[in-house]
Amino acid sequence: MKKQQINYKARAAIIKAIAHPSRLFIIEELNKGKRSAGKLTEMIGADPSTVSKHLGILKNAGLVFDEKRGTTVYYHLKAPCILDFISCVEAVLETNARTQLEIVRRCKR
């Protein structure tokens, strides 16, 4: 495999890791500060094994890290720069919404 293909595959793995609503929520919550696995589970409203799987995916992608204190595991955002990518996604959504609105306006004329 060419170096460039390896790079694309690595990038795609990170993008794939955030490509779930619960994982996006976790990233945004961890941007506000560390959270325990239990607190994240409570906030998401899913069962602990599901949240644990999401946290594992984010951890394997290098986006979060964990810290065990006693019996509690706290998660931290390891790569806050991922929020720049999420902001870019938001900008694309806004542009798409404006385009759709303009199309609707033209159709009503």
C-alpha atoms as a PDB file:
ATOM      1  CA  MET A   1       0.000   0.000   0.000  1.00  0.00           C
ATOM      2  CA  LYS A   2       1.311   3.419  -0.909  1.00  0.00           C
ATOM      3  CA  LYS A   3       2.131   5.910   1.817  1.00  0.00           C
ATOM      4  CA  GLN A   4      -0.639   8.221   0.599  1.00  0.00           C
ATOM      5  CA  GLN A   5      -3.204   5.417   0.792  1.00  0.00           C
ATOM      6  CA  ILE A   6      -2.085   4.582   4.333  1.00  0.00           C
ATOM      7  CA  ASN A   7      -2.549   8.246   5.255  1.00  0.00           C
ATOM      8  CA  TYR A   8      -6.074   8.319   3.809  1.00  0.00           C
ATOM      9  CA  LYS A   9      -6.962   5.106   5.608  1.00  0.00           C
ATOM     10  CA  ALA A  10      -5.708   6.506   8.939  1.00  0.00           C
ATOM     11  CA  ARG A  11      -7.665   9.730   8.433  1.00  0.00           C
ATOM     12  CA  ALA A  12     -10.806   7.811   7.510  1.00  0.00           C
ATOM     13  CA  ALA A  13     -10.507   5.733  10.698  1.00  0.00           C
ATOM     14  CA  ILE A  14     -10.553   8.894  12.819  1.00  0.00           C
ATOM     15  CA  ILE A  15     -13.489  10.344  10.906  1.00  0.00           C
ATOM     16  CA  LYS A  16     -15.305   7.016  11.214  1.00  0.00           C
ATOM     17  CA  ALA A  17     -14.672   7.051  14.980  1.00  0.00           C
ATOM     18  CA  ILE A  18     -16.619  10.289  15.382  1.00  0.00           C
ATOM     19  CA  ALA A  19     -19.357   9.293  12.935  1.00  0.00           C
ATOM     20  CA  HIS A  20     -22.005   8.502  15.539  1.00  0.00           C
ATOM     21  CA  PRO A  21     -24.326  10.888  17.387  1.00  0.00           C
ATOM     22  CA  SER A  22     -23.371   9.522  20.814  1.00  0.00           C
ATOM     23  CA  ARG A  23     -19.653   9.847  20.084  1.00  0.00           C
ATOM     24  CA  LEU A  24     -20.127  13.420  18.870  1.00  0.00           C
ATOM     25  CA  PHE A  25     -21.990  14.122  22.106  1.00  0.00           C
ATOM     26  CA  ILE A  26     -19.171  12.585  24.145  1.00  0.00           C
ATOM     27  CA  ILE A  27     -16.574  14.720  22.357  1.00  0.00           C
ATOM     28  CA  GLU A  28     -18.552  17.893  23.007  1.00  0.00           C
ATOM     29  CA  GLU A  29     -19.078  16.975  26.665  1.00  0.00           C
ATOM     30  CA  LEU A  30     -15.412  16.171  27.184  1.00  0.00           C
ATOM     31  CA  ASN A  31     -14.539  19.529  25.697  1.00  0.00           C
ATOM     32  CA  LYS A  32     -16.275  21.030  28.734  1.00  0.00           C
ATOM     33  CA  GLY A  33     -14.115  18.943  31.073  1.00  0.00           C
ATOM     34  CA  LYS A  34     -13.440  15.407  32.243  1.00  0.00           C
ATOM     35  CA  ARG A  35     -16.421  13.145  32.749  1.00  0.00           C
ATOM     36  CA  SER A  36     -16.765   9.781  34.408  1.00  0.00           C
ATOM     37  CA  ALA A  37     -17.972   6.848  32.367  1.00  0.00           C
ATOM     38  CA  GLY A  38     -20.996   6.678  34.670  1.00  0.00           C
ATOM     39  CA  LYS A  39     -21.887  10.325  34.135  1.00  0.00           C
ATOM     40  CA  LEU A  40     -21.566   9.969  30.349  1.00  0.00           C
ATOM     41  CA  THR A  41     -23.771   6.871  30.482  1.00  0.00           C
ATOM     42  CA  GLU A  42     -26.375   8.800  32.453  1.00  0.00           C
ATOM     43  CA  MET A  43     -26.213  11.763  30.056  1.00  0.00           C
ATOM     44  CA  ILE A  44     -26.498   9.630  26.936  1.00  0.00           C
ATOM     45  CA  GLY A  45     -29.225   7.412  28.349  1.00  0.00           C
ATOM     46  CA  ALA A  46     -27.808   4.182  26.967  1.00  0.00           C
ATOM     47  CA  ASP A  47     -26.649   1.110  28.791  1.00  0.00           C
ATOM     48  CA  PRO A  48     -23.106   1.110  30.200  1.00  0.00           C
ATOM     49  CA  SER A  49     -21.780  -1.475  27.727  1.00  0.00           C
ATOM     50  CA  THR A  50     -22.871   0.647  24.761  1.00  0.00           C
ATOM     51  CA  VAL A  51     -21.267   3.796  26.169  1.00  0.00           C
ATOM     52  CA  SER A  52     -18.146   1.809  27.012  1.00  0.00           C
ATOM     53  CA  LYS A  53     -17.954   0.655  23.387  1.00  0.00           C
ATOM     54  CA  HIS A  54     -18.259   4.255  22.164  1.00  0.00           C
ATOM     55  CA  LEU A  55     -15.547   5.388  24.578  1.00  0.00           C
ATOM     56  CA  GLY A  56     -13.306   2.538  23.415  1.00  0.00           C
ATOM     57  CA  ILE A  57     -13.715   3.567  19.790  1.00  0.00           C
ATOM     58  CA  LEU A  58     -12.826   7.172  20.623  1.00  0.00           C
ATOM     59  CA  LYS A  59      -9.881   6.035  22.726  1.00  0.00           C
ATOM     60  CA  ASN A  60      -8.549   3.708  19.998  1.00  0.00           C
ATOM     61  CA  ALA A  61      -8.754   6.586  17.527  1.00  0.00           C
ATOM     62  CA  GLY A  62      -6.597   8.711  19.839  1.00  0.00           C
ATOM     63  CA  LEU A  63      -9.318  11.251  20.542  1.00  0.00           C
ATOM     64  CA  VAL A  64      -9.804  10.604  24.262  1.00  0.00           C
ATOM     65  CA  PHE A  65      -7.840   9.144  27.135  1.00  0.00           C
ATOM     66  CA  ASP A  66      -8.923   7.707  30.426  1.00  0.00           C
ATOM     67  CA  GLU A  67      -7.710   8.082  33.973  1.00  0.00           C
ATOM     68  CA  LYS A  68      -8.698   5.665  36.708  1.00  0.00           C
ATOM     69  CA  ARG A  69      -9.220   7.068  40.195  1.00  0.00           C
ATOM     70  CA  GLY A  70     -10.217   4.368  42.621  1.00  0.00           C
ATOM     71  CA  THR A  71     -13.128   2.565  41.030  1.00  0.00           C
ATOM     72  CA  THR A  72     -14.098   5.473  38.793  1.00  0.00           C
ATOM     73  CA  VAL A  73     -12.772   5.990  35.266  1.00  0.00           C
ATOM     74  CA  TYR A  74     -12.650   9.568  33.999  1.00  0.00           C
ATOM     75  CA  TYR A  75     -12.363  10.462  30.340  1.00  0.00           C
ATOM     76  CA  HIS A  76     -10.611  13.495  28.906  1.00  0.00           C
ATOM     77  CA  LEU A  77     -10.487  14.929  25.401  1.00  0.00           C
ATOM     78  CA  LYS A  78      -7.013  14.137  24.074  1.00  0.00           C
ATOM     79  CA  ALA A  79      -7.318  15.930  20.740  1.00  0.00           C
ATOM     80  CA  PRO A  80      -9.434  19.089  21.135  1.00  0.00           C
ATOM     81  CA  CYS A  81      -8.504  20.016  17.563  1.00  0.00           C
ATOM     82  CA  ILE A  82     -11.237  17.585  16.465  1.00  0.00           C
ATOM     83  CA  LEU A  83     -13.653  20.360  17.400  1.00  0.00           C
ATOM     84  CA  ASP A  84     -12.245  22.397  14.488  1.00  0.00           C
ATOM     85  CA  PHE A  85     -13.386  19.620  12.171  1.00  0.00           C
ATOM     86  CA  ILE A  86     -16.812  19.568  13.835  1.00  0.00           C
ATOM     87  CA  SER A  87     -17.038  23.355  13.389  1.00  0.00           C
ATOM     88  CA  CYS A  88     -16.269  22.866   9.717  1.00  0.00           C
ATOM     89  CA  VAL A  89     -19.093  20.308   9.494  1.00  0.00           C
ATOM     90  CA  GLU A  90     -21.420  22.870  11.096  1.00  0.00           C
ATOM     91  CA  ALA A  91     -20.374  25.453   8.494  1.00  0.00           C
ATOM     92  CA  VAL A  92     -21.184  22.995   5.704  1.00  0.00           C
ATOM     93  CA  LEU A  93     -24.601  22.339   7.277  1.00  0.00           C
ATOM     94  CA  GLU A  94     -25.299  26.082   7.426  1.00  0.00           C
ATOM     95  CA  THR A  95     -24.265  26.546   3.798  1.00  0.00           C
ATOM     96  CA  ASN A  96     -26.443  23.622   2.730  1.00  0.00           C
ATOM     97  CA  ALA A  97     -29.404  25.006   4.676  1.00  0.00           C
ATOM     98  CA  ARG A  98     -29.029  28.429   3.049  1.00  0.00           C
ATOM     99  CA  THR A  99     -28.826  26.799  -0.382  1.00  0.00           C
ATOM    100  CA  GLN A 100     -31.954  24.737   0.283  1.00  0.00           C
ATOM    101  CA  LEU A 101     -33.799  27.799   1.567  1.00  0.00           C
ATOM    102  CA  GLU A 102     -32.876  29.714  -1.571  1.00  0.00           C
ATOM    103  CA  ILE A 103     -34.155  26.840  -3.723  1.00  0.00           C
ATOM    104  CA  VAL A 104     -37.458  26.836  -1.812  1.00  0.00           C
ATOM    105  CA  ARG A 105     -37.789  30.601  -2.228  1.00  0.00           C
ATOM    106  CA  ARG A 106     -37.203  30.341  -5.970  1.00  0.00           C
ATOM    107  CA  CYS A 107     -39.777  27.559  -6.290  1.00  0.00           C
ATOM    108  CA  LYS A 108     -42.413  29.678  -4.531  1.00  0.00           C
ATOM    109  CA  ARG A 109     -42.021  32.584  -6.975  1.00  0.00           C
END
